[in-house]
Structure formats: C-alpha cells, structure tokens
Amino acid sequence: MKIDNTGKPLGAVNARGDARAAKGEGRDSAASTEVQSDSVDIKSFSARLATLEAALSTQPAVDEAKVAEIRKAISEGRFSVQAEAIADRLIASVKELLSDKH
C-alpha cells in the first residue's frame, strides 16, 4: 500500500479499511453513511504547559542546600549508605514503571 502524503483528507473508512462499506454501498445506506468526527482543542493545554514551563525555569534543577548537607555529612563521616533501602526503592520503582505500561 502506498502512503499518500499530499495532506488531503481521506474519505470515511470502516475498521477493516473498506471505503465502499463506509460510504453505504452494498449495505443499508441510512445506517452506514452517518459519519462521526472527533475534535481536540489543545490551545488551553498548550497555554497551561507554557505557564508551567516558565514557572519551572525559575526553579533550580538541584537543591543546593541538600547537596551541601550531604557533602558535610560525608566529610564528617556521618553519611551512611543504606543499600537495602536503596535496593527496595529501586525495585519498587521498576515494578511501578512496568505496571504502568500494561
């Protein structure tokens, strides 16, 4: 099948791709000629997204105070890595990501 990229809208096609059935040929034309259309308005979503993007651009990407606190704890020997807690959270995160795909 050749892909038509002329930008012209195609006629109505049913789920099997049969244009004749969608036009009402060979079947009850009153029932099959009804064409439904859907529309989506993304202008309000785009405006909201732009507002959020502007707000986020003013926020630092890294919490410098938290980084300084961790650096100080490391240099003073007070920082301990809890490998089991990190592993548990990593596994939970992976499970959540995998369950969202299904």
C-alpha atoms as a PDB file:
ATOM      1  CA  MET A   1       0.000   0.000   0.000  1.00  0.00           C
ATOM      2  CA  LYS A   2       1.387   3.390  -0.946  1.00  0.00           C
ATOM      3  CA  ILE A   3       1.300   6.136   1.638  1.00  0.00           C
ATOM      4  CA  ASP A   4      -0.344   9.308   0.398  1.00  0.00           C
ATOM      5  CA  ASN A   5       1.315  12.346   1.958  1.00  0.00           C
ATOM      6  CA  THR A   6      -0.484  15.013  -0.042  1.00  0.00           C
ATOM      7  CA  GLY A   7      -2.275  16.247   3.066  1.00  0.00           C
ATOM      8  CA  LYS A   8      -5.719  15.764   1.541  1.00  0.00           C
ATOM      9  CA  PRO A   9      -8.301  14.207   3.880  1.00  0.00           C
ATOM     10  CA  LEU A  10      -9.347  10.690   3.010  1.00  0.00           C
ATOM     11  CA  GLY A  11     -12.940   9.552   2.729  1.00  0.00           C
ATOM     12  CA  ALA A  12     -14.630   7.646   5.533  1.00  0.00           C
ATOM     13  CA  VAL A  13     -13.267   4.151   6.010  1.00  0.00           C
ATOM     14  CA  ASN A  14     -14.604   1.442   8.276  1.00  0.00           C
ATOM     15  CA  ALA A  15     -12.469  -0.552  10.722  1.00  0.00           C
ATOM     16  CA  ARG A  16     -11.439  -3.037   8.024  1.00  0.00           C
ATOM     17  CA  GLY A  17     -10.420  -0.287   5.615  1.00  0.00           C
ATOM     18  CA  ASP A  18     -13.358  -0.869   3.270  1.00  0.00           C
ATOM     19  CA  ALA A  19     -14.255   2.556   1.865  1.00  0.00           C
ATOM     20  CA  ARG A  20     -17.285   1.223  -0.034  1.00  0.00           C
ATOM     21  CA  ALA A  21     -18.930  -0.073   3.141  1.00  0.00           C
ATOM     22  CA  ALA A  22     -18.347   3.232   4.909  1.00  0.00           C
ATOM     23  CA  LYS A  23     -19.998   5.098   2.011  1.00  0.00           C
ATOM     24  CA  GLY A  24     -23.051   2.885   2.266  1.00  0.00           C
ATOM     25  CA  GLU A  25     -22.576   0.885  -0.927  1.00  0.00           C
ATOM     26  CA  GLY A  26     -23.941  -2.636  -0.712  1.00  0.00           C
ATOM     27  CA  ARG A  27     -25.487  -2.138   2.735  1.00  0.00           C
ATOM     28  CA  ASP A  28     -28.220  -0.152   4.433  1.00  0.00           C
ATOM     29  CA  SER A  29     -27.123   3.323   3.371  1.00  0.00           C
ATOM     30  CA  ALA A  30     -29.079   5.146   6.098  1.00  0.00           C
ATOM     31  CA  ALA A  31     -27.161   3.407   8.864  1.00  0.00           C
ATOM     32  CA  SER A  32     -23.700   3.351   7.310  1.00  0.00           C
ATOM     33  CA  THR A  33     -23.475   6.867   5.828  1.00  0.00           C
ATOM     34  CA  GLU A  34     -23.553   8.566   9.210  1.00  0.00           C
ATOM     35  CA  VAL A  35     -20.076   9.962   9.800  1.00  0.00           C
ATOM     36  CA  GLN A  36     -18.920  10.893  13.253  1.00  0.00           C
ATOM     37  CA  SER A  37     -15.977  13.115  13.943  1.00  0.00           C
ATOM     38  CA  ASP A  38     -13.926  13.898  16.985  1.00  0.00           C
ATOM     39  CA  SER A  39     -12.029  17.059  17.723  1.00  0.00           C
ATOM     40  CA  VAL A  40      -9.409  18.058  20.242  1.00  0.00           C
ATOM     41  CA  ASP A  41      -8.605  21.564  21.412  1.00  0.00           C
ATOM     42  CA  ILE A  42      -5.051  21.756  22.709  1.00  0.00           C
ATOM     43  CA  LYS A  43      -4.804  25.538  22.939  1.00  0.00           C
ATOM     44  CA  SER A  44      -5.700  25.660  26.637  1.00  0.00           C
ATOM     45  CA  PHE A  45      -3.386  22.728  27.363  1.00  0.00           C
ATOM     46  CA  SER A  46      -0.580  24.426  25.456  1.00  0.00           C
ATOM     47  CA  ALA A  47      -1.075  27.672  27.369  1.00  0.00           C
ATOM     48  CA  ARG A  48      -1.052  25.823  30.702  1.00  0.00           C
ATOM     49  CA  LEU A  49       2.063  23.911  29.683  1.00  0.00           C
ATOM     50  CA  ALA A  50       3.820  27.159  28.752  1.00  0.00           C
ATOM     51  CA  THR A  51       2.901  28.642  32.142  1.00  0.00           C
ATOM     52  CA  LEU A  52       4.244  25.603  33.981  1.00  0.00           C
ATOM     53  CA  GLU A  53       7.407  25.601  31.894  1.00  0.00           C
ATOM     54  CA  ALA A  54       8.019  29.255  32.735  1.00  0.00           C
ATOM     55  CA  ALA A  55       7.478  28.581  36.441  1.00  0.00           C
ATOM     56  CA  LEU A  56       9.832  25.599  36.411  1.00  0.00           C
ATOM     57  CA  SER A  57      12.536  27.510  34.572  1.00  0.00           C
ATOM     58  CA  THR A  58      12.900  29.784  37.614  1.00  0.00           C
ATOM     59  CA  GLN A  59      13.469  26.836  39.952  1.00  0.00           C
ATOM     60  CA  PRO A  60      16.960  25.381  40.421  1.00  0.00           C
ATOM     61  CA  ALA A  61      17.497  21.903  38.991  1.00  0.00           C
ATOM     62  CA  VAL A  62      19.370  20.852  42.142  1.00  0.00           C
ATOM     63  CA  ASP A  63      18.634  21.548  45.799  1.00  0.00           C
ATOM     64  CA  GLU A  64      21.966  23.169  46.691  1.00  0.00           C
ATOM     65  CA  ALA A  65      21.196  23.147  50.425  1.00  0.00           C
ATOM     66  CA  LYS A  66      20.587  19.377  50.359  1.00  0.00           C
ATOM     67  CA  VAL A  67      23.808  18.806  48.384  1.00  0.00           C
ATOM     68  CA  ALA A  68      25.774  20.892  50.895  1.00  0.00           C
ATOM     69  CA  GLU A  69      24.232  18.950  53.781  1.00  0.00           C
ATOM     70  CA  ILE A  70      25.173  15.596  52.232  1.00  0.00           C
ATOM     71  CA  ARG A  71      28.716  16.813  51.435  1.00  0.00           C
ATOM     72  CA  LYS A  72      29.178  17.910  55.026  1.00  0.00           C
ATOM     73  CA  ALA A  73      27.859  14.587  56.347  1.00  0.00           C
ATOM     74  CA  ILE A  74      30.246  12.669  54.053  1.00  0.00           C
ATOM     75  CA  SER A  75      33.244  14.777  55.078  1.00  0.00           C
ATOM     76  CA  GLU A  76      32.384  14.330  58.765  1.00  0.00           C
ATOM     77  CA  GLY A  77      31.836  10.570  58.370  1.00  0.00           C
ATOM     78  CA  ARG A  78      28.164  10.777  59.359  1.00  0.00           C
ATOM     79  CA  PHE A  79      26.748   9.747  55.988  1.00  0.00           C
ATOM     80  CA  SER A  80      25.836   6.090  55.716  1.00  0.00           C
ATOM     81  CA  VAL A  81      24.526   4.366  52.626  1.00  0.00           C
ATOM     82  CA  GLN A  82      21.546   2.127  53.308  1.00  0.00           C
ATOM     83  CA  ALA A  83      21.969  -0.312  50.436  1.00  0.00           C
ATOM     84  CA  GLU A  84      18.910  -2.387  51.348  1.00  0.00           C
ATOM     85  CA  ALA A  85      16.604   0.659  51.417  1.00  0.00           C
ATOM     86  CA  ILE A  86      18.011   1.882  48.084  1.00  0.00           C
ATOM     87  CA  ALA A  87      17.535  -1.558  46.516  1.00  0.00           C
ATOM     88  CA  ASP A  88      13.968  -1.820  47.822  1.00  0.00           C
ATOM     89  CA  ARG A  89      13.048   1.594  46.423  1.00  0.00           C
ATOM     90  CA  LEU A  90      14.716   0.830  43.094  1.00  0.00           C
ATOM     91  CA  ILE A  91      12.801  -2.435  42.771  1.00  0.00           C
ATOM     92  CA  ALA A  92       9.535  -0.708  43.713  1.00  0.00           C
ATOM     93  CA  SER A  93      10.209   1.981  41.130  1.00  0.00           C
ATOM     94  CA  VAL A  94      10.873  -0.577  38.391  1.00  0.00           C
ATOM     95  CA  LYS A  95       7.721  -2.512  39.318  1.00  0.00           C
ATOM     96  CA  GLU A  96       5.686   0.692  39.122  1.00  0.00           C
ATOM     97  CA  LEU A  97       7.139   1.594  35.729  1.00  0.00           C
ATOM     98  CA  LEU A  98       6.428  -1.882  34.386  1.00  0.00           C
ATOM     99  CA  SER A  99       2.863  -1.940  35.716  1.00  0.00           C
ATOM    100  CA  ASP A 100       2.115   1.453  34.097  1.00  0.00           C
ATOM    101  CA  LYS A 101       2.899   0.025  30.645  1.00  0.00           C
ATOM    102  CA  HIS A 102       0.135  -2.559  30.885  1.00  0.00           C
END
